[in-house]
């Protein structure tokens, strides 16, 4: 494990908000179960809590414990796109905090294919919040320099690396219907 990954994990464990590369853009992340960290991340992003957030992990087992059981058909649909840049919105357990699910009875989850994001999740040993590194409604940052320009020293750490492909934030689909909620394969760069 690199020094940079260890430092990012140290900052996460201390309640920090970090930035890191993902498949399509830079993401902001924190410990999803630390309310103060998540609320700080939302404040930095100027995003309402009602929207909910995406959680990423290095494997589905790290996310599955947060969700209602899925049918074999739904599981198959998920595994066709994972690891990869598709996030799925699935019914979550009722005890999942409001700061993660927003006003929804669901949670957006993704098994990331980005090497640094996967290593970060593995070193963290659990899921992480993953929301695009931008002010709400603005274009997301696609580089560490872009993150610095937007957040001007207000983050606890930036894990340097390249996004896998430049473009819009990851596609989001409804896990029960397969319907695309954001983005589409046709317009992905």
N, C-alpha and C. Protein backbone atom coordinates (compact mmCIF):
# COMPACT_ATOMS: atom_id res chain seq x y z
N UNK A 1 0.85 -1.18 0.00
CA UNK A 1 0.00 0.00 0.00
C UNK A 1 0.89 1.24 0.00
N UNK A 2 0.55 2.20 -0.84
CA UNK A 2 1.38 3.40 -0.96
C UNK A 2 1.19 4.33 0.23
N UNK A 3 2.17 5.19 0.42
CA UNK A 3 2.10 6.20 1.48
C UNK A 3 0.86 7.07 1.27
N UNK A 4 0.54 7.40 0.02
CA UNK A 4 -0.59 8.28 -0.29
C UNK A 4 -1.92 7.66 0.13
N UNK A 5 -2.07 6.36 -0.11
CA UNK A 5 -3.30 5.66 0.31
C UNK A 5 -3.37 5.64 1.84
N UNK A 6 -2.25 5.34 2.49
CA UNK A 6 -2.23 5.32 3.96
C UNK A 6 -2.60 6.69 4.53
N UNK A 7 -2.08 7.74 3.92
CA UNK A 7 -2.37 9.09 4.40
C UNK A 7 -3.85 9.43 4.19
N UNK A 8 -4.41 9.05 3.06
CA UNK A 8 -5.83 9.29 2.80
C UNK A 8 -6.69 8.56 3.84
N UNK A 9 -6.34 7.31 4.15
CA UNK A 9 -7.08 6.53 5.15
C UNK A 9 -6.94 7.18 6.53
N UNK A 10 -5.76 7.65 6.85
CA UNK A 10 -5.54 8.33 8.14
C UNK A 10 -6.46 9.55 8.26
N UNK A 11 -6.55 10.31 7.18
CA UNK A 11 -7.41 11.51 7.19
C UNK A 11 -8.89 11.13 7.29
N UNK A 12 -9.29 10.07 6.59
CA UNK A 12 -10.68 9.59 6.69
C UNK A 12 -11.01 9.17 8.12
N UNK A 13 -10.09 8.43 8.74
CA UNK A 13 -10.31 7.94 10.10
C UNK A 13 -10.41 9.09 11.10
N UNK A 14 -9.76 10.21 10.79
CA UNK A 14 -9.82 11.38 11.67
C UNK A 14 -11.06 12.24 11.39
N UNK A 15 -11.95 11.75 10.52
CA UNK A 15 -13.17 12.50 10.21
C UNK A 15 -13.02 13.46 9.05
N UNK A 16 -11.97 13.30 8.27
CA UNK A 16 -11.70 14.23 7.18
C UNK A 16 -12.53 13.98 5.93
N UNK A 17 -12.50 15.00 5.08
CA UNK A 17 -13.11 14.94 3.75
C UNK A 17 -11.96 15.00 2.75
N UNK A 18 -11.93 14.04 1.84
CA UNK A 18 -10.83 13.95 0.88
C UNK A 18 -11.38 13.98 -0.55
N UNK A 19 -10.48 14.16 -1.49
CA UNK A 19 -10.81 14.05 -2.92
C UNK A 19 -9.94 12.95 -3.51
N UNK A 20 -10.49 12.25 -4.51
CA UNK A 20 -9.76 11.14 -5.14
C UNK A 20 -10.31 10.92 -6.55
N UNK A 21 -9.50 10.35 -7.44
CA UNK A 21 -9.97 10.10 -8.80
C UNK A 21 -10.90 8.89 -8.83
N UNK A 22 -11.88 8.95 -9.74
CA UNK A 22 -12.78 7.82 -9.98
C UNK A 22 -12.76 7.51 -11.47
N UNK A 23 -13.70 6.70 -11.90
CA UNK A 23 -13.76 6.32 -13.31
C UNK A 23 -13.94 7.52 -14.24
N UNK A 24 -14.74 8.51 -13.82
CA UNK A 24 -15.11 9.58 -14.75
C UNK A 24 -14.72 10.98 -14.30
N UNK A 25 -14.74 11.24 -13.00
CA UNK A 25 -14.40 12.57 -12.47
C UNK A 25 -13.70 12.38 -11.12
N UNK A 26 -13.22 13.47 -10.53
CA UNK A 26 -12.73 13.40 -9.17
C UNK A 26 -13.94 13.36 -8.23
N UNK A 27 -13.81 12.57 -7.17
CA UNK A 27 -14.87 12.47 -6.19
C UNK A 27 -14.45 13.06 -4.87
N UNK A 28 -15.45 13.46 -4.09
CA UNK A 28 -15.24 13.83 -2.70
C UNK A 28 -15.71 12.65 -1.87
N UNK A 29 -14.96 12.34 -0.82
CA UNK A 29 -15.33 11.20 0.00
C UNK A 29 -15.06 11.41 1.46
N UNK A 30 -15.72 10.58 2.26
CA UNK A 30 -15.53 10.58 3.70
C UNK A 30 -16.12 9.28 4.25
N UNK A 31 -15.98 9.11 5.54
CA UNK A 31 -16.56 7.96 6.23
C UNK A 31 -18.08 8.13 6.19
N UNK A 32 -18.81 7.21 5.54
CA UNK A 32 -20.26 7.37 5.42
C UNK A 32 -21.00 7.29 6.75
N UNK A 33 -20.36 6.75 7.80
CA UNK A 33 -21.03 6.58 9.07
C UNK A 33 -20.64 7.63 10.10
N UNK A 34 -19.90 8.63 9.65
CA UNK A 34 -19.53 9.76 10.50
C UNK A 34 -20.40 10.95 10.06
N UNK A 35 -21.47 11.20 10.80
CA UNK A 35 -22.43 12.24 10.42
C UNK A 35 -21.76 13.60 10.23
N UNK A 36 -20.86 13.97 11.15
CA UNK A 36 -20.21 15.28 11.04
C UNK A 36 -19.40 15.39 9.75
N UNK A 37 -18.73 14.30 9.36
CA UNK A 37 -17.94 14.32 8.11
C UNK A 37 -18.85 14.47 6.90
N UNK A 38 -19.93 13.71 6.88
CA UNK A 38 -20.85 13.77 5.73
C UNK A 38 -21.49 15.15 5.65
N UNK A 39 -21.91 15.70 6.77
CA UNK A 39 -22.54 17.02 6.76
C UNK A 39 -21.54 18.09 6.33
N UNK A 40 -20.28 17.95 6.72
CA UNK A 40 -19.25 18.89 6.27
C UNK A 40 -19.05 18.78 4.76
N UNK A 41 -19.00 17.55 4.25
CA UNK A 41 -18.87 17.33 2.80
C UNK A 41 -20.03 18.01 2.06
N UNK A 42 -21.26 17.82 2.54
CA UNK A 42 -22.42 18.43 1.90
C UNK A 42 -22.35 19.95 1.95
N UNK A 43 -21.86 20.48 3.06
CA UNK A 43 -21.70 21.93 3.18
C UNK A 43 -20.66 22.45 2.18
N UNK A 44 -19.53 21.75 2.08
CA UNK A 44 -18.49 22.15 1.13
C UNK A 44 -19.03 22.15 -0.30
N UNK A 45 -19.83 21.15 -0.62
CA UNK A 45 -20.39 21.00 -1.95
C UNK A 45 -21.60 21.90 -2.19
N UNK A 46 -22.15 22.46 -1.11
CA UNK A 46 -23.37 23.26 -1.16
C UNK A 46 -24.53 22.43 -1.72
N UNK A 47 -24.63 21.21 -1.22
CA UNK A 47 -25.63 20.25 -1.67
C UNK A 47 -26.59 19.93 -0.52
N UNK A 48 -27.88 19.87 -0.82
CA UNK A 48 -28.89 19.57 0.19
C UNK A 48 -28.81 18.10 0.61
N UNK A 49 -29.05 17.85 1.87
CA UNK A 49 -29.04 16.50 2.41
C UNK A 49 -30.12 15.62 1.76
N UNK A 50 -31.19 16.22 1.30
CA UNK A 50 -32.34 15.48 0.76
C UNK A 50 -32.01 14.67 -0.48
N UNK A 51 -30.95 15.03 -1.20
CA UNK A 51 -30.61 14.34 -2.46
C UNK A 51 -30.06 12.93 -2.24
N UNK A 52 -29.39 12.70 -1.13
CA UNK A 52 -28.73 11.42 -0.93
C UNK A 52 -27.36 11.40 -1.60
N UNK A 53 -26.59 10.37 -1.31
CA UNK A 53 -25.22 10.25 -1.81
C UNK A 53 -24.96 8.86 -2.37
N UNK A 54 -23.86 8.73 -3.10
CA UNK A 54 -23.42 7.44 -3.62
C UNK A 54 -22.35 6.90 -2.67
N UNK A 55 -22.39 5.59 -2.44
CA UNK A 55 -21.31 4.93 -1.72
C UNK A 55 -20.60 4.01 -2.70
N UNK A 56 -19.27 4.00 -2.62
CA UNK A 56 -18.48 3.08 -3.43
C UNK A 56 -17.77 2.09 -2.52
N UNK A 57 -17.41 0.96 -3.10
CA UNK A 57 -16.64 -0.05 -2.38
C UNK A 57 -15.83 -0.83 -3.40
N UNK A 58 -14.92 -1.65 -2.89
CA UNK A 58 -14.09 -2.48 -3.77
C UNK A 58 -14.77 -3.79 -4.12
N UNK A 59 -15.82 -4.14 -3.37
CA UNK A 59 -16.60 -5.35 -3.71
C UNK A 59 -18.01 -5.20 -3.15
N UNK A 60 -18.94 -5.97 -3.70
CA UNK A 60 -20.34 -5.85 -3.34
C UNK A 60 -20.60 -6.24 -1.89
N UNK A 61 -19.82 -7.15 -1.34
CA UNK A 61 -20.03 -7.59 0.05
C UNK A 61 -19.98 -6.41 1.02
N UNK A 62 -19.19 -5.38 0.72
CA UNK A 62 -19.07 -4.20 1.59
C UNK A 62 -20.32 -3.32 1.54
N UNK A 63 -21.11 -3.45 0.47
CA UNK A 63 -22.31 -2.65 0.29
C UNK A 63 -23.58 -3.42 0.64
N UNK A 64 -23.54 -4.71 0.42
CA UNK A 64 -24.71 -5.58 0.55
C UNK A 64 -25.33 -5.52 1.94
N UNK A 65 -24.51 -5.32 2.97
CA UNK A 65 -25.01 -5.28 4.34
C UNK A 65 -25.86 -4.04 4.63
N UNK A 66 -25.86 -3.07 3.71
CA UNK A 66 -26.63 -1.83 3.88
C UNK A 66 -27.97 -1.88 3.15
N UNK A 67 -28.16 -2.93 2.37
CA UNK A 67 -29.29 -2.99 1.44
C UNK A 67 -30.28 -4.09 1.81
N UNK A 68 -31.51 -3.91 1.33
CA UNK A 68 -32.49 -4.99 1.39
C UNK A 68 -31.97 -6.10 0.48
N UNK A 69 -32.29 -7.35 0.76
CA UNK A 69 -31.84 -8.42 -0.14
C UNK A 69 -32.36 -8.19 -1.56
N UNK A 70 -31.52 -8.51 -2.54
CA UNK A 70 -31.91 -8.35 -3.95
C UNK A 70 -32.16 -9.72 -4.57
N UNK A 71 -33.02 -9.75 -5.56
CA UNK A 71 -33.33 -11.00 -6.25
C UNK A 71 -32.14 -11.44 -7.10
N UNK A 72 -32.09 -12.69 -7.48
CA UNK A 72 -31.01 -13.15 -8.38
C UNK A 72 -30.99 -12.36 -9.69
N UNK A 73 -32.15 -11.96 -10.18
CA UNK A 73 -32.22 -11.17 -11.42
C UNK A 73 -31.55 -9.81 -11.24
N UNK A 74 -31.86 -9.15 -10.14
CA UNK A 74 -31.25 -7.84 -9.86
C UNK A 74 -29.75 -8.01 -9.62
N UNK A 75 -29.38 -9.01 -8.87
CA UNK A 75 -27.96 -9.27 -8.62
C UNK A 75 -27.20 -9.47 -9.94
N UNK A 76 -27.79 -10.20 -10.84
CA UNK A 76 -27.17 -10.43 -12.14
C UNK A 76 -26.99 -9.12 -12.91
N UNK A 77 -28.01 -8.25 -12.85
CA UNK A 77 -27.96 -6.94 -13.51
C UNK A 77 -26.80 -6.11 -12.95
N UNK A 78 -26.63 -6.14 -11.64
CA UNK A 78 -25.54 -5.38 -11.01
C UNK A 78 -24.18 -5.91 -11.45
N UNK A 79 -24.04 -7.21 -11.40
CA UNK A 79 -22.74 -7.83 -11.69
C UNK A 79 -22.32 -7.68 -13.15
N UNK A 80 -23.29 -7.42 -14.04
CA UNK A 80 -22.96 -7.17 -15.46
C UNK A 80 -22.20 -5.86 -15.63
N UNK A 81 -22.37 -4.94 -14.69
CA UNK A 81 -21.74 -3.61 -14.83
C UNK A 81 -20.63 -3.36 -13.82
N UNK A 82 -20.43 -4.27 -12.89
CA UNK A 82 -19.43 -4.06 -11.83
C UNK A 82 -18.29 -5.04 -11.94
N UNK A 83 -17.10 -4.61 -11.54
CA UNK A 83 -16.75 -3.23 -11.19
C UNK A 83 -16.82 -2.33 -12.43
N UNK A 84 -17.22 -1.10 -12.21
CA UNK A 84 -17.34 -0.17 -13.31
C UNK A 84 -18.02 1.12 -12.91
N UNK A 85 -18.26 2.00 -13.90
CA UNK A 85 -18.75 3.35 -13.62
C UNK A 85 -20.27 3.48 -13.52
N UNK A 86 -20.99 2.39 -13.23
CA UNK A 86 -22.44 2.46 -13.10
C UNK A 86 -22.83 2.33 -11.63
N UNK A 87 -23.58 3.32 -11.14
CA UNK A 87 -24.12 3.28 -9.78
C UNK A 87 -25.56 2.81 -9.86
N UNK A 88 -25.95 1.99 -8.90
CA UNK A 88 -27.30 1.44 -8.85
C UNK A 88 -28.02 1.93 -7.61
N UNK A 89 -29.26 2.35 -7.76
CA UNK A 89 -30.10 2.79 -6.65
C UNK A 89 -30.94 1.59 -6.22
N UNK A 90 -30.76 1.17 -4.96
CA UNK A 90 -31.40 -0.04 -4.45
C UNK A 90 -32.07 0.24 -3.11
N UNK A 91 -33.13 -0.51 -2.80
CA UNK A 91 -33.77 -0.34 -1.49
C UNK A 91 -32.78 -0.64 -0.37
N UNK A 92 -32.72 0.27 0.60
CA UNK A 92 -31.76 0.10 1.70
C UNK A 92 -32.48 -0.29 2.98
N UNK A 93 -31.70 -0.70 3.95
CA UNK A 93 -32.25 -1.02 5.25
C UNK A 93 -32.81 0.25 5.89
N UNK A 94 -33.86 0.13 6.68
CA UNK A 94 -34.49 1.33 7.25
C UNK A 94 -33.58 2.12 8.18
N UNK A 95 -32.57 1.47 8.76
CA UNK A 95 -31.69 2.18 9.69
C UNK A 95 -30.57 2.97 9.00
N UNK A 96 -30.52 2.94 7.67
CA UNK A 96 -29.50 3.72 6.97
C UNK A 96 -29.77 5.20 7.22
N UNK A 97 -28.75 5.94 7.66
CA UNK A 97 -28.97 7.33 8.06
C UNK A 97 -29.47 8.23 6.93
N UNK A 98 -30.27 9.20 7.33
CA UNK A 98 -30.82 10.20 6.41
C UNK A 98 -29.71 10.90 5.64
N UNK A 99 -28.56 11.14 6.29
CA UNK A 99 -27.49 11.88 5.61
C UNK A 99 -26.92 11.08 4.43
N UNK A 100 -27.17 9.78 4.33
CA UNK A 100 -26.71 8.99 3.18
C UNK A 100 -27.80 8.80 2.14
N UNK A 101 -29.01 8.49 2.59
CA UNK A 101 -30.09 8.17 1.64
C UNK A 101 -30.93 9.38 1.27
N UNK A 102 -30.78 10.48 1.99
CA UNK A 102 -31.61 11.65 1.71
C UNK A 102 -33.06 11.35 2.03
N UNK A 103 -33.94 11.82 1.20
CA UNK A 103 -35.37 11.64 1.45
C UNK A 103 -35.88 10.32 0.87
N UNK A 104 -34.99 9.46 0.45
CA UNK A 104 -35.35 8.23 -0.26
C UNK A 104 -35.25 6.98 0.62
N UNK A 105 -36.01 5.93 0.30
CA UNK A 105 -35.86 4.64 0.99
C UNK A 105 -34.81 3.77 0.30
N UNK A 106 -33.95 4.42 -0.48
CA UNK A 106 -32.96 3.73 -1.30
C UNK A 106 -31.58 4.32 -1.06
N UNK A 107 -30.59 3.61 -1.57
CA UNK A 107 -29.20 4.04 -1.47
C UNK A 107 -28.53 3.79 -2.81
N UNK A 108 -27.75 4.74 -3.28
CA UNK A 108 -26.99 4.58 -4.53
C UNK A 108 -25.64 3.97 -4.19
N UNK A 109 -25.29 2.87 -4.88
CA UNK A 109 -24.05 2.15 -4.59
C UNK A 109 -23.33 1.79 -5.88
N UNK A 110 -22.00 1.64 -5.78
CA UNK A 110 -21.19 1.26 -6.94
C UNK A 110 -19.95 0.50 -6.49
N UNK A 111 -19.62 -0.55 -7.21
CA UNK A 111 -18.34 -1.22 -7.03
C UNK A 111 -17.40 -0.59 -8.05
N UNK A 112 -16.44 0.16 -7.57
CA UNK A 112 -15.57 0.94 -8.44
C UNK A 112 -14.53 0.07 -9.15
N UNK A 113 -14.22 0.48 -10.37
CA UNK A 113 -13.17 -0.19 -11.14
C UNK A 113 -11.89 0.64 -11.18
N UNK A 114 -11.93 1.87 -10.64
CA UNK A 114 -10.75 2.72 -10.69
C UNK A 114 -9.69 2.17 -9.74
N UNK A 115 -8.46 1.94 -10.22
CA UNK A 115 -7.44 1.31 -9.36
C UNK A 115 -7.17 2.04 -8.05
N UNK A 116 -7.05 3.37 -8.07
CA UNK A 116 -6.79 4.11 -6.82
C UNK A 116 -8.00 4.10 -5.91
N UNK A 117 -9.18 4.29 -6.47
CA UNK A 117 -10.40 4.28 -5.65
C UNK A 117 -10.60 2.90 -5.02
N UNK A 118 -10.33 1.84 -5.79
CA UNK A 118 -10.44 0.46 -5.25
C UNK A 118 -9.43 0.25 -4.12
N UNK A 119 -8.19 0.68 -4.35
CA UNK A 119 -7.16 0.53 -3.31
C UNK A 119 -7.53 1.31 -2.05
N UNK A 120 -8.08 2.49 -2.24
CA UNK A 120 -8.51 3.31 -1.11
C UNK A 120 -9.61 2.59 -0.33
N UNK A 121 -10.61 2.06 -1.02
CA UNK A 121 -11.70 1.33 -0.35
C UNK A 121 -11.17 0.09 0.37
N UNK A 122 -10.25 -0.62 -0.26
CA UNK A 122 -9.68 -1.81 0.37
C UNK A 122 -8.90 -1.44 1.63
N UNK A 123 -8.10 -0.39 1.54
CA UNK A 123 -7.32 0.04 2.71
C UNK A 123 -8.24 0.57 3.81
N UNK A 124 -9.32 1.24 3.44
CA UNK A 124 -10.30 1.75 4.39
C UNK A 124 -11.09 0.61 5.00
N UNK A 125 -11.21 -0.49 4.27
CA UNK A 125 -11.90 -1.70 4.72
C UNK A 125 -13.41 -1.50 4.84
N UNK A 126 -13.95 -0.74 3.89
CA UNK A 126 -15.39 -0.51 3.88
C UNK A 126 -15.78 0.45 2.78
N UNK A 127 -17.06 0.80 2.74
CA UNK A 127 -17.52 1.75 1.72
C UNK A 127 -17.13 3.18 2.06
N UNK A 128 -17.11 4.00 1.03
CA UNK A 128 -16.83 5.43 1.18
C UNK A 128 -17.90 6.23 0.44
N UNK A 129 -18.16 7.43 0.94
CA UNK A 129 -19.00 8.36 0.19
C UNK A 129 -18.24 8.71 -1.08
N UNK A 130 -18.97 8.80 -2.18
CA UNK A 130 -18.37 9.22 -3.45
C UNK A 130 -19.34 10.13 -4.17
N UNK A 131 -19.07 11.41 -4.11
CA UNK A 131 -19.88 12.39 -4.82
C UNK A 131 -18.94 13.26 -5.63
N UNK A 132 -19.37 13.73 -6.77
CA UNK A 132 -18.48 14.48 -7.65
C UNK A 132 -17.90 15.70 -6.95
N UNK A 133 -16.64 15.98 -7.25
CA UNK A 133 -15.92 17.10 -6.64
C UNK A 133 -16.29 18.38 -7.38
N UNK A 134 -17.35 19.00 -6.92
CA UNK A 134 -17.84 20.24 -7.50
C UNK A 134 -18.79 20.90 -6.52
N UNK A 135 -19.07 22.17 -6.77
CA UNK A 135 -20.16 22.81 -6.07
C UNK A 135 -21.43 22.32 -6.76
N UNK A 136 -22.48 22.09 -6.00
CA UNK A 136 -23.71 21.51 -6.54
C UNK A 136 -24.18 22.30 -7.77
N UNK A 137 -24.42 21.56 -8.84
CA UNK A 137 -24.91 22.17 -10.07
C UNK A 137 -23.82 22.67 -11.01
N UNK A 138 -22.57 22.62 -10.59
CA UNK A 138 -21.44 23.07 -11.42
C UNK A 138 -20.73 21.86 -12.01
N UNK A 139 -19.93 22.06 -13.06
CA UNK A 139 -19.19 20.92 -13.64
C UNK A 139 -18.21 20.33 -12.63
N UNK A 140 -18.08 19.01 -12.61
CA UNK A 140 -17.15 18.37 -11.67
C UNK A 140 -15.70 18.50 -12.10
N UNK A 141 -14.83 18.47 -11.11
CA UNK A 141 -13.39 18.53 -11.36
C UNK A 141 -12.92 17.19 -11.94
N UNK A 142 -12.00 17.26 -12.89
CA UNK A 142 -11.45 16.05 -13.50
C UNK A 142 -9.96 15.91 -13.22
N UNK A 143 -9.43 16.76 -12.32
CA UNK A 143 -8.01 16.69 -11.96
C UNK A 143 -7.84 17.21 -10.54
N UNK A 144 -6.68 16.89 -9.95
CA UNK A 144 -6.37 17.40 -8.61
C UNK A 144 -6.30 18.93 -8.62
N UNK A 145 -5.77 19.50 -9.70
CA UNK A 145 -5.71 20.97 -9.82
C UNK A 145 -7.13 21.55 -9.85
N UNK A 146 -8.02 20.91 -10.57
CA UNK A 146 -9.41 21.37 -10.61
C UNK A 146 -10.06 21.33 -9.25
N UNK A 147 -9.76 20.28 -8.47
CA UNK A 147 -10.28 20.17 -7.11
C UNK A 147 -9.77 21.33 -6.26
N UNK A 148 -8.46 21.61 -6.36
CA UNK A 148 -7.87 22.72 -5.60
C UNK A 148 -8.52 24.04 -5.95
N UNK A 149 -8.79 24.24 -7.23
CA UNK A 149 -9.39 25.51 -7.68
C UNK A 149 -10.80 25.68 -7.09
N UNK A 150 -11.55 24.62 -6.97
CA UNK A 150 -12.92 24.71 -6.45
C UNK A 150 -12.94 24.81 -4.93
N UNK A 151 -12.13 23.99 -4.26
CA UNK A 151 -12.24 23.87 -2.81
C UNK A 151 -11.15 24.60 -2.03
N UNK A 152 -10.17 25.18 -2.71
CA UNK A 152 -9.21 26.13 -2.15
C UNK A 152 -8.75 25.81 -0.74
N UNK A 153 -8.19 24.62 -0.54
CA UNK A 153 -7.62 24.27 0.75
C UNK A 153 -8.61 23.83 1.81
N UNK A 154 -9.89 23.67 1.47
CA UNK A 154 -10.89 23.28 2.46
C UNK A 154 -11.04 21.77 2.63
N UNK A 155 -10.27 20.99 1.88
CA UNK A 155 -10.30 19.53 2.02
C UNK A 155 -9.13 19.08 2.89
N UNK A 156 -9.25 17.89 3.46
CA UNK A 156 -8.20 17.37 4.33
C UNK A 156 -7.11 16.64 3.58
N UNK A 157 -7.40 16.18 2.35
CA UNK A 157 -6.39 15.48 1.56
C UNK A 157 -6.89 15.33 0.14
N UNK A 158 -5.97 15.38 -0.82
CA UNK A 158 -6.27 15.08 -2.22
C UNK A 158 -5.37 13.93 -2.63
N UNK A 159 -5.99 12.82 -3.01
CA UNK A 159 -5.25 11.66 -3.52
C UNK A 159 -5.05 11.89 -5.01
N UNK A 160 -3.82 12.13 -5.40
CA UNK A 160 -3.52 12.46 -6.80
C UNK A 160 -3.59 11.22 -7.67
N UNK A 161 -4.08 11.41 -8.88
CA UNK A 161 -4.19 10.34 -9.86
C UNK A 161 -5.05 10.83 -11.01
N UNK A 162 -5.16 10.00 -12.01
CA UNK A 162 -5.96 10.35 -13.17
C UNK A 162 -7.31 9.64 -13.14
N UNK A 163 -8.32 10.34 -13.64
CA UNK A 163 -9.61 9.67 -13.82
C UNK A 163 -9.44 8.71 -14.99
N UNK A 164 -10.22 7.64 -14.99
CA UNK A 164 -10.08 6.64 -16.06
C UNK A 164 -10.46 7.20 -17.42
N UNK A 165 -11.49 8.03 -17.44
CA UNK A 165 -11.91 8.70 -18.67
C UNK A 165 -12.61 9.98 -18.26
N UNK A 166 -12.33 11.05 -18.98
CA UNK A 166 -12.91 12.33 -18.62
C UNK A 166 -14.38 12.38 -19.01
N UNK A 167 -15.14 13.13 -18.25
CA UNK A 167 -16.53 13.29 -18.64
C UNK A 167 -17.45 13.59 -17.49
N UNK A 168 -18.67 13.21 -17.71
CA UNK A 168 -19.72 13.43 -16.72
C UNK A 168 -19.56 12.44 -15.57
N UNK A 169 -20.24 12.74 -14.46
CA UNK A 169 -20.26 11.77 -13.37
C UNK A 169 -20.86 10.44 -13.83
N UNK A 170 -20.63 9.40 -13.04
CA UNK A 170 -21.05 8.05 -13.41
C UNK A 170 -22.55 7.96 -13.68
N UNK A 171 -22.88 7.00 -14.52
CA UNK A 171 -24.28 6.70 -14.81
C UNK A 171 -24.94 6.16 -13.55
N UNK A 172 -26.21 6.53 -13.35
CA UNK A 172 -26.99 6.01 -12.22
C UNK A 172 -28.22 5.33 -12.80
N UNK A 173 -28.48 4.10 -12.31
CA UNK A 173 -29.65 3.34 -12.76
C UNK A 173 -30.48 2.88 -11.57
N UNK A 174 -31.76 2.70 -11.82
CA UNK A 174 -32.66 2.11 -10.83
C UNK A 174 -32.40 0.61 -10.80
N UNK A 175 -32.05 0.08 -9.65
CA UNK A 175 -31.69 -1.34 -9.53
C UNK A 175 -32.84 -2.29 -9.77
N UNK A 176 -34.06 -1.86 -9.49
CA UNK A 176 -35.20 -2.76 -9.65
C UNK A 176 -35.72 -2.79 -11.08
N UNK A 177 -35.61 -1.67 -11.80
CA UNK A 177 -36.15 -1.60 -13.16
C UNK A 177 -35.07 -1.58 -14.24
N UNK A 178 -33.85 -1.19 -13.87
CA UNK A 178 -32.78 -1.03 -14.85
C UNK A 178 -32.82 0.31 -15.57
N UNK A 179 -33.84 1.13 -15.29
CA UNK A 179 -34.01 2.43 -15.95
C UNK A 179 -32.84 3.37 -15.61
N UNK A 180 -32.33 4.08 -16.62
CA UNK A 180 -31.25 5.05 -16.42
C UNK A 180 -31.84 6.31 -15.78
N UNK A 181 -31.28 6.70 -14.64
CA UNK A 181 -31.73 7.89 -13.92
C UNK A 181 -30.86 9.11 -14.23
N UNK A 182 -29.58 8.87 -14.54
CA UNK A 182 -28.65 9.95 -14.91
C UNK A 182 -27.64 9.38 -15.88
N UNK A 183 -27.38 10.12 -16.95
CA UNK A 183 -26.40 9.67 -17.95
C UNK A 183 -26.98 8.55 -18.79
N UNK A 184 -26.21 8.12 -19.76
CA UNK A 184 -26.59 6.97 -20.58
C UNK A 184 -25.36 6.43 -21.26
N UNK A 185 -25.36 5.15 -21.62
CA UNK A 185 -24.20 4.60 -22.31
C UNK A 185 -23.86 5.36 -23.58
N UNK A 186 -24.85 5.89 -24.25
CA UNK A 186 -24.62 6.59 -25.52
C UNK A 186 -23.86 7.91 -25.34
N UNK A 187 -24.07 8.58 -24.20
CA UNK A 187 -23.41 9.89 -24.06
C UNK A 187 -22.21 9.85 -23.13
N UNK A 188 -21.81 8.66 -22.70
CA UNK A 188 -20.63 8.56 -21.86
C UNK A 188 -19.38 8.72 -22.71
N UNK A 189 -18.41 9.54 -22.28
CA UNK A 189 -17.18 9.71 -23.05
C UNK A 189 -16.34 8.45 -23.03
